[in-house]
Full PDB file with SEQRES, HELIX, SHEET, SSBOND, CRYST1, ORIGX, SCALE, CONECT and MASTER records, all heavy atoms in Angstrom:
SEQRES   1 A   29  LEU ALA GLU GLN GLY LEU ALA THR TYR ARG GLU GLY ARG          
SEQRES   2 A   29  LEU SER GLY TRP SER LEU SER PRO ASP GLY ARG ALA GLU          
SEQRES   3 A   29  GLY GLU ARG                                                  
HELIX    1 AA1 PRO A   21  GLU A   28  1                                   8    
SHEET    1 AA1 2 ALA A   7  ARG A  10  0                                        
SHEET    2 AA1 2 GLY A  16  LEU A  19 -1                                        
CRYST1    1.000    1.000    1.000  90.00  90.00  90.00 P 1           1          
ORIGX1      1.000000  0.000000  0.000000        0.00000                         
ORIGX2      0.000000  1.000000  0.000000        0.00000                         
ORIGX3      0.000000  0.000000  1.000000        0.00000                         
SCALE1      1.000000  0.000000  0.000000        0.00000                         
SCALE2      0.000000  1.000000  0.000000        0.00000                         
SCALE3      0.000000  0.000000  1.000000        0.00000                         
ATOM      1  N   LEU A   1      76.287  63.275  57.820  1.00  0.00           N  
ATOM      2  CA  LEU A   1      75.624  64.151  56.839  1.00  0.00           C  
ATOM      3  C   LEU A   1      74.146  63.782  56.700  1.00  0.00           C  
ATOM      4  O   LEU A   1      73.285  64.662  56.572  1.00  0.00           O  
ATOM      5  CB  LEU A   1      76.337  64.085  55.490  1.00  0.00           C  
ATOM      6  CG  LEU A   1      77.723  64.725  55.440  1.00  0.00           C  
ATOM      7  CD1 LEU A   1      78.412  64.401  54.114  1.00  0.00           C  
ATOM      8  CD2 LEU A   1      77.648  66.221  55.659  1.00  0.00           C  
ATOM      9  N   ALA A   2      73.854  62.486  56.736  1.00  0.00           N  
ATOM     10  CA  ALA A   2      72.461  62.040  56.665  1.00  0.00           C  
ATOM     11  C   ALA A   2      71.677  62.528  57.884  1.00  0.00           C  
ATOM     12  O   ALA A   2      70.535  62.985  57.753  1.00  0.00           O  
ATOM     13  CB  ALA A   2      72.392  60.521  56.545  1.00  0.00           C  
ATOM     14  N   GLU A   3      72.288  62.437  59.066  1.00  0.00           N  
ATOM     15  CA  GLU A   3      71.626  62.920  60.288  1.00  0.00           C  
ATOM     16  C   GLU A   3      71.331  64.417  60.205  1.00  0.00           C  
ATOM     17  O   GLU A   3      70.323  64.881  60.733  1.00  0.00           O  
ATOM     18  CB  GLU A   3      72.503  62.636  61.514  1.00  0.00           C  
ATOM     19  CG  GLU A   3      72.536  61.189  61.920  1.00  0.00           C  
ATOM     20  CD  GLU A   3      73.515  60.934  63.060  1.00  0.00           C  
ATOM     21  OE1 GLU A   3      73.837  61.895  63.808  1.00  0.00           O  
ATOM     22  OE2 GLU A   3      73.953  59.779  63.195  1.00  0.00           O  
ATOM     23  N   GLN A   4      72.187  65.156  59.534  1.00  0.00           N  
ATOM     24  CA  GLN A   4      72.005  66.602  59.377  1.00  0.00           C  
ATOM     25  C   GLN A   4      71.048  66.937  58.228  1.00  0.00           C  
ATOM     26  O   GLN A   4      70.752  68.105  57.987  1.00  0.00           O  
ATOM     27  CB  GLN A   4      73.357  67.273  59.116  1.00  0.00           C  
ATOM     28  CG  GLN A   4      74.332  67.160  60.253  1.00  0.00           C  
ATOM     29  CD  GLN A   4      75.737  67.613  59.857  1.00  0.00           C  
ATOM     30  OE1 GLN A   4      76.032  67.901  58.704  1.00  0.00           O  
ATOM     31  NE2 GLN A   4      76.625  67.671  60.837  1.00  0.00           N  
ATOM     32  N   GLY A   5      70.592  65.906  57.524  1.00  0.00           N  
ATOM     33  CA  GLY A   5      69.678  66.135  56.410  1.00  0.00           C  
ATOM     34  C   GLY A   5      70.367  66.609  55.140  1.00  0.00           C  
ATOM     35  O   GLY A   5      69.727  67.118  54.230  1.00  0.00           O  
ATOM     36  N   LEU A   6      71.681  66.417  55.059  1.00  0.00           N  
ATOM     37  CA  LEU A   6      72.441  66.905  53.905  1.00  0.00           C  
ATOM     38  C   LEU A   6      72.714  65.829  52.865  1.00  0.00           C  
ATOM     39  O   LEU A   6      73.074  66.147  51.731  1.00  0.00           O  
ATOM     40  CB  LEU A   6      73.767  67.523  54.373  1.00  0.00           C  
ATOM     41  CG  LEU A   6      73.636  68.702  55.349  1.00  0.00           C  
ATOM     42  CD1 LEU A   6      75.007  69.170  55.816  1.00  0.00           C  
ATOM     43  CD2 LEU A   6      72.847  69.836  54.722  1.00  0.00           C  
ATOM     44  N   ALA A   7      72.530  64.568  53.235  1.00  0.00           N  
ATOM     45  CA  ALA A   7      72.768  63.465  52.302  1.00  0.00           C  
ATOM     46  C   ALA A   7      71.739  62.370  52.544  1.00  0.00           C  
ATOM     47  O   ALA A   7      71.176  62.264  53.636  1.00  0.00           O  
ATOM     48  CB  ALA A   7      74.183  62.900  52.489  1.00  0.00           C  
ATOM     49  N   THR A   8      71.502  61.577  51.512  1.00  0.00           N  
ATOM     50  CA  THR A   8      70.587  60.443  51.618  1.00  0.00           C  
ATOM     51  C   THR A   8      71.205  59.239  50.920  1.00  0.00           C  
ATOM     52  O   THR A   8      72.019  59.388  50.006  1.00  0.00           O  
ATOM     53  CB  THR A   8      69.219  60.754  50.968  1.00  0.00           C  
ATOM     54  OG1 THR A   8      69.421  61.100  49.605  1.00  0.00           O  
ATOM     55  CG2 THR A   8      68.509  61.884  51.666  1.00  0.00           C  
ATOM     56  N   TYR A   9      70.795  58.064  51.364  1.00  0.00           N  
ATOM     57  CA  TYR A   9      71.240  56.825  50.734  1.00  0.00           C  
ATOM     58  C   TYR A   9      70.054  56.216  50.009  1.00  0.00           C  
ATOM     59  O   TYR A   9      68.955  56.129  50.545  1.00  0.00           O  
ATOM     60  CB  TYR A   9      71.787  55.829  51.761  1.00  0.00           C  
ATOM     61  CG  TYR A   9      72.356  54.590  51.103  1.00  0.00           C  
ATOM     62  CD1 TYR A   9      73.629  54.613  50.554  1.00  0.00           C  
ATOM     63  CD2 TYR A   9      71.609  53.424  51.007  1.00  0.00           C  
ATOM     64  CE1 TYR A   9      74.147  53.499  49.926  1.00  0.00           C  
ATOM     65  CE2 TYR A   9      72.126  52.301  50.377  1.00  0.00           C  
ATOM     66  CZ  TYR A   9      73.388  52.346  49.843  1.00  0.00           C  
ATOM     67  OH  TYR A   9      73.903  51.243  49.216  1.00  0.00           O  
ATOM     68  N   ARG A  10      70.293  55.794  48.788  1.00  0.00           N  
ATOM     69  CA  ARG A  10      69.227  55.197  47.979  1.00  0.00           C  
ATOM     70  C   ARG A  10      69.589  53.753  47.668  1.00  0.00           C  
ATOM     71  O   ARG A  10      70.700  53.454  47.262  1.00  0.00           O  
ATOM     72  CB  ARG A  10      69.051  55.992  46.682  1.00  0.00           C  
ATOM     73  CG  ARG A  10      67.971  55.413  45.805  1.00  0.00           C  
ATOM     74  CD  ARG A  10      67.670  56.222  44.580  1.00  0.00           C  
ATOM     75  NE  ARG A  10      68.832  56.897  44.041  1.00  0.00           N  
ATOM     76  CZ  ARG A  10      68.820  57.633  42.965  1.00  0.00           C  
ATOM     77  NH1 ARG A  10      67.706  57.806  42.305  1.00  0.00           N  
ATOM     78  NH2 ARG A  10      69.903  58.220  42.525  1.00  0.00           N  
ATOM     79  N   GLU A  11      68.613  52.881  47.843  1.00  0.00           N  
ATOM     80  CA  GLU A  11      68.748  51.462  47.489  1.00  0.00           C  
ATOM     81  C   GLU A  11      68.252  51.275  46.056  1.00  0.00           C  
ATOM     82  O   GLU A  11      67.567  52.124  45.515  1.00  0.00           O  
ATOM     83  CB  GLU A  11      67.900  50.595  48.431  1.00  0.00           C  
ATOM     84  CG  GLU A  11      68.291  50.669  49.883  1.00  0.00           C  
ATOM     85  CD  GLU A  11      69.533  49.868  50.222  1.00  0.00           C  
ATOM     86  OE1 GLU A  11      69.996  49.080  49.375  1.00  0.00           O  
ATOM     87  OE2 GLU A  11      70.039  50.049  51.336  1.00  0.00           O  
ATOM     88  N   GLY A  12      68.576  50.137  45.474  1.00  0.00           N  
ATOM     89  CA  GLY A  12      68.047  49.817  44.150  1.00  0.00           C  
ATOM     90  C   GLY A  12      69.142  49.682  43.115  1.00  0.00           C  
ATOM     91  O   GLY A  12      70.322  49.535  43.442  1.00  0.00           O  
ATOM     92  N   ARG A  13      68.728  49.745  41.857  1.00  0.00           N  
ATOM     93  CA  ARG A  13      69.659  49.548  40.743  1.00  0.00           C  
ATOM     94  C   ARG A  13      70.792  50.566  40.757  1.00  0.00           C  
ATOM     95  O   ARG A  13      71.943  50.224  40.502  1.00  0.00           O  
ATOM     96  CB  ARG A  13      68.895  49.628  39.417  1.00  0.00           C  
ATOM     97  CG  ARG A  13      69.703  49.186  38.223  1.00  0.00           C  
ATOM     98  CD  ARG A  13      68.862  49.115  36.958  1.00  0.00           C  
ATOM     99  NE  ARG A  13      68.364  50.401  36.529  1.00  0.00           N  
ATOM    100  CZ  ARG A  13      68.989  51.223  35.703  1.00  0.00           C  
ATOM    101  NH1 ARG A  13      70.148  50.894  35.207  1.00  0.00           N  
ATOM    102  NH2 ARG A  13      68.447  52.374  35.365  1.00  0.00           N  
ATOM    103  N   LEU A  14      70.481  51.816  41.056  1.00  0.00           N  
ATOM    104  CA  LEU A  14      71.485  52.871  41.159  1.00  0.00           C  
ATOM    105  C   LEU A  14      71.621  53.291  42.616  1.00  0.00           C  
ATOM    106  O   LEU A  14      71.364  54.432  42.974  1.00  0.00           O  
ATOM    107  CB  LEU A  14      71.108  54.067  40.277  1.00  0.00           C  
ATOM    108  CG  LEU A  14      71.087  53.824  38.785  1.00  0.00           C  
ATOM    109  CD1 LEU A  14      70.565  55.053  38.048  1.00  0.00           C  
ATOM    110  CD2 LEU A  14      72.471  53.458  38.276  1.00  0.00           C  
ATOM    111  N   SER A  15      72.027  52.341  43.443  1.00  0.00           N  
ATOM    112  CA  SER A  15      72.127  52.628  44.868  1.00  0.00           C  
ATOM    113  C   SER A  15      73.364  53.467  45.152  1.00  0.00           C  
ATOM    114  O   SER A  15      74.321  53.478  44.389  1.00  0.00           O  
ATOM    115  CB  SER A  15      72.163  51.331  45.671  1.00  0.00           C  
ATOM    116  OG  SER A  15      73.323  50.598  45.348  1.00  0.00           O  
ATOM    117  N   GLY A  16      73.296  54.172  46.254  1.00  0.00           N  
ATOM    118  CA  GLY A  16      74.441  54.963  46.688  1.00  0.00           C  
ATOM    119  C   GLY A  16      74.010  56.249  47.363  1.00  0.00           C  
ATOM    120  O   GLY A  16      72.823  56.531  47.537  1.00  0.00           O  
ATOM    121  N   TRP A  17      75.008  57.021  47.758  1.00  0.00           N  
ATOM    122  CA  TRP A  17      74.789  58.268  48.476  1.00  0.00           C  
ATOM    123  C   TRP A  17      74.633  59.417  47.490  1.00  0.00           C  
ATOM    124  O   TRP A  17      75.273  59.441  46.442  1.00  0.00           O  
ATOM    125  CB  TRP A  17      75.975  58.556  49.388  1.00  0.00           C  
ATOM    126  CG  TRP A  17      76.036  57.650  50.578  1.00  0.00           C  
ATOM    127  CD1 TRP A  17      76.730  56.471  50.679  1.00  0.00           C  
ATOM    128  CD2 TRP A  17      75.370  57.827  51.820  1.00  0.00           C  
ATOM    129  NE1 TRP A  17      76.530  55.915  51.919  1.00  0.00           N  
ATOM    130  CE2 TRP A  17      75.703  56.739  52.639  1.00  0.00           C  
ATOM    131  CE3 TRP A  17      74.532  58.818  52.314  1.00  0.00           C  
ATOM    132  CZ2 TRP A  17      75.226  56.611  53.929  1.00  0.00           C  
ATOM    133  CZ3 TRP A  17      74.061  58.689  53.606  1.00  0.00           C  
ATOM    134  CH2 TRP A  17      74.402  57.595  54.406  1.00  0.00           C  
ATOM    135  N   SER A  18      73.791  60.365  47.871  1.00  0.00           N  
ATOM    136  CA  SER A  18      73.650  61.596  47.095  1.00  0.00           C  
ATOM    137  C   SER A  18      73.297  62.730  48.043  1.00  0.00           C  
ATOM    138  O   SER A  18      72.864  62.508  49.176  1.00  0.00           O  
ATOM    139  CB  SER A  18      72.576  61.456  46.015  1.00  0.00           C  
ATOM    140  OG  SER A  18      71.313  61.263  46.597  1.00  0.00           O  
ATOM    141  N   LEU A  19      73.495  63.943  47.558  1.00  0.00           N  
ATOM    142  CA  LEU A  19      73.126  65.107  48.348  1.00  0.00           C  
ATOM    143  C   LEU A  19      71.612  65.256  48.369  1.00  0.00           C  
ATOM    144  O   LEU A  19      70.944  65.011  47.369  1.00  0.00           O  
ATOM    145  CB  LEU A  19      73.740  66.367  47.748  1.00  0.00           C  
ATOM    146  CG  LEU A  19      75.253  66.493  47.819  1.00  0.00           C  
ATOM    147  CD1 LEU A  19      75.710  67.720  47.040  1.00  0.00           C  
ATOM    148  CD2 LEU A  19      75.714  66.576  49.266  1.00  0.00           C  
ATOM    149  N   SER A  20      71.099  65.662  49.492  1.00  0.00           N  
ATOM    150  CA  SER A  20      69.688  66.031  49.588  1.00  0.00           C  
ATOM    151  C   SER A  20      69.574  67.452  49.020  1.00  0.00           C  
ATOM    152  O   SER A  20      70.587  68.119  48.785  1.00  0.00           O  
ATOM    153  CB  SER A  20      69.251  66.024  51.052  1.00  0.00           C  
ATOM    154  OG  SER A  20      69.919  67.075  51.746  1.00  0.00           O  
ATOM    155  N   PRO A  21      68.361  67.955  48.815  1.00  0.00           N  
ATOM    156  CA  PRO A  21      68.238  69.356  48.382  1.00  0.00           C  
ATOM    157  C   PRO A  21      68.958  70.323  49.333  1.00  0.00           C  
ATOM    158  O   PRO A  21      69.637  71.248  48.887  1.00  0.00           O  
ATOM    159  CB  PRO A  21      66.730  69.591  48.364  1.00  0.00           C  
ATOM    160  CG  PRO A  21      66.161  68.229  48.046  1.00  0.00           C  
ATOM    161  CD  PRO A  21      67.056  67.266  48.801  1.00  0.00           C  
ATOM    162  N   ASP A  22      68.844  70.088  50.640  1.00  0.00           N  
ATOM    163  CA  ASP A  22      69.558  70.944  51.598  1.00  0.00           C  
ATOM    164  C   ASP A  22      71.066  70.770  51.466  1.00  0.00           C  
ATOM    165  O   ASP A  22      71.826  71.731  51.596  1.00  0.00           O  
ATOM    166  CB  ASP A  22      69.131  70.630  53.033  1.00  0.00           C  
ATOM    167  CG  ASP A  22      67.740  71.146  53.365  1.00  0.00           C  
ATOM    168  OD1 ASP A  22      67.201  71.968  52.596  1.00  0.00           O  
ATOM    169  OD2 ASP A  22      67.192  70.705  54.396  1.00  0.00           O  
ATOM    170  N   GLY A  23      71.499  69.537  51.201  1.00  0.00           N  
ATOM    171  CA  GLY A  23      72.916  69.277  51.019  1.00  0.00           C  
ATOM    172  C   GLY A  23      73.465  69.961  49.778  1.00  0.00           C  
ATOM    173  O   GLY A  23      74.571  70.503  49.788  1.00  0.00           O  
ATOM    174  N   ARG A  24      72.682  69.925  48.721  1.00  0.00           N  
ATOM    175  CA  ARG A  24      73.097  70.613  47.489  1.00  0.00           C  
ATOM    176  C   ARG A  24      73.214  72.118  47.739  1.00  0.00           C  
ATOM    177  O   ARG A  24      74.184  72.752  47.327  1.00  0.00           O  
ATOM    178  CB  ARG A  24      72.118  70.320  46.364  1.00  0.00           C  
ATOM    179  CG  ARG A  24      72.545  70.924  45.045  1.00  0.00           C  
ATOM    180  CD  ARG A  24      71.593  70.504  43.923  1.00  0.00           C  
ATOM    181  NE  ARG A  24      71.942  71.183  42.714  1.00  0.00           N  
ATOM    182  CZ  ARG A  24      72.642  70.655  41.720  1.00  0.00           C  
ATOM    183  NH1 ARG A  24      73.043  69.416  41.787  1.00  0.00           N  
ATOM    184  NH2 ARG A  24      72.926  71.357  40.645  1.00  0.00           N  
ATOM    185  N   ALA A  25      72.234  72.692  48.439  1.00  0.00           N  
ATOM    186  CA  ALA A  25      72.274  74.125  48.742  1.00  0.00           C  
ATOM    187  C   ALA A  25      73.501  74.465  49.588  1.00  0.00           C  
ATOM    188  O   ALA A  25      74.181  75.469  49.346  1.00  0.00           O  
ATOM    189  CB  ALA A  25      70.996  74.555  49.451  1.00  0.00           C  
ATOM    190  N   GLU A  26      73.793  73.616  50.571  1.00  0.00           N  
ATOM    191  CA  GLU A  26      74.968  73.849  51.418  1.00  0.00           C  
ATOM    192  C   GLU A  26      76.254  73.724  50.598  1.00  0.00           C  
ATOM    193  O   GLU A  26      77.188  74.511  50.754  1.00  0.00           O  
ATOM    194  CB  GLU A  26      74.986  72.870  52.594  1.00  0.00           C  
ATOM    195  CG  GLU A  26      76.235  72.936  53.453  1.00  0.00           C  
ATOM    196  CD  GLU A  26      76.478  74.279  54.140  1.00  0.00           C  
ATOM    197  OE1 GLU A  26      75.558  75.117  54.222  1.00  0.00           O  
ATOM    198  OE2 GLU A  26      77.623  74.496  54.596  1.00  0.00           O  
ATOM    199  N   GLY A  27      76.312  72.736  49.720  1.00  0.00           N  
ATOM    200  CA  GLY A  27      77.488  72.582  48.861  1.00  0.00           C  
ATOM    201  C   GLY A  27      77.699  73.795  47.975  1.00  0.00           C  
ATOM    202  O   GLY A  27      78.837  74.274  47.810  1.00  0.00           O  
ATOM    203  N   GLU A  28      76.614  74.296  47.410  1.00  0.00           N  
ATOM    204  CA  GLU A  28      76.718  75.484  46.551  1.00  0.00           C  
ATOM    205  C   GLU A  28      77.138  76.713  47.364  1.00  0.00           C  
ATOM    206  O   GLU A  28      77.912  77.545  46.895  1.00  0.00           O  
ATOM    207  CB  GLU A  28      75.413  75.705  45.801  1.00  0.00           C  
ATOM    208  CG  GLU A  28      75.207  74.636  44.735  1.00  0.00           C  
ATOM    209  CD  GLU A  28      73.863  74.696  44.040  1.00  0.00           C  
ATOM    210  OE1 GLU A  28      73.035  75.583  44.372  1.00  0.00           O  
ATOM    211  OE2 GLU A  28      73.641  73.852  43.153  1.00  0.00           O  
ATOM    212  N   ARG A  29      76.657  76.813  48.607  1.00  0.00           N  
ATOM    213  CA  ARG A  29      77.079  77.921  49.479  1.00  0.00           C  
ATOM    214  C   ARG A  29      78.583  77.838  49.720  1.00  0.00           C  
ATOM    215  O   ARG A  29      79.294  78.832  49.647  1.00  0.00           O  
ATOM    216  CB  ARG A  29      76.325  77.870  50.813  1.00  0.00           C  
ATOM    217  CG  ARG A  29      76.637  79.070  51.724  1.00  0.00           C  
ATOM    218  CD  ARG A  29      76.241  78.840  53.178  1.00  0.00           C  
ATOM    219  NE  ARG A  29      76.972  77.769  53.839  1.00  0.00           N  
ATOM    220  CZ  ARG A  29      78.249  77.853  54.241  1.00  0.00           C  
ATOM    221  NH1 ARG A  29      78.952  78.940  54.043  1.00  0.00           N  
ATOM    222  NH2 ARG A  29      78.826  76.829  54.841  1.00  0.00           N  
TER     223      ARG A  29                                                      
MASTER        0    0    0    1    2    0    0    6  222    1    0    3          
END                                                                             
């Protein structure tokens, strides 16, 4: 999903995976 630009991984205090804007749009579709 990250390779497709649909998800991103964030480091830090609230680390983890989340949808990218394109991923959110695809999920809503």
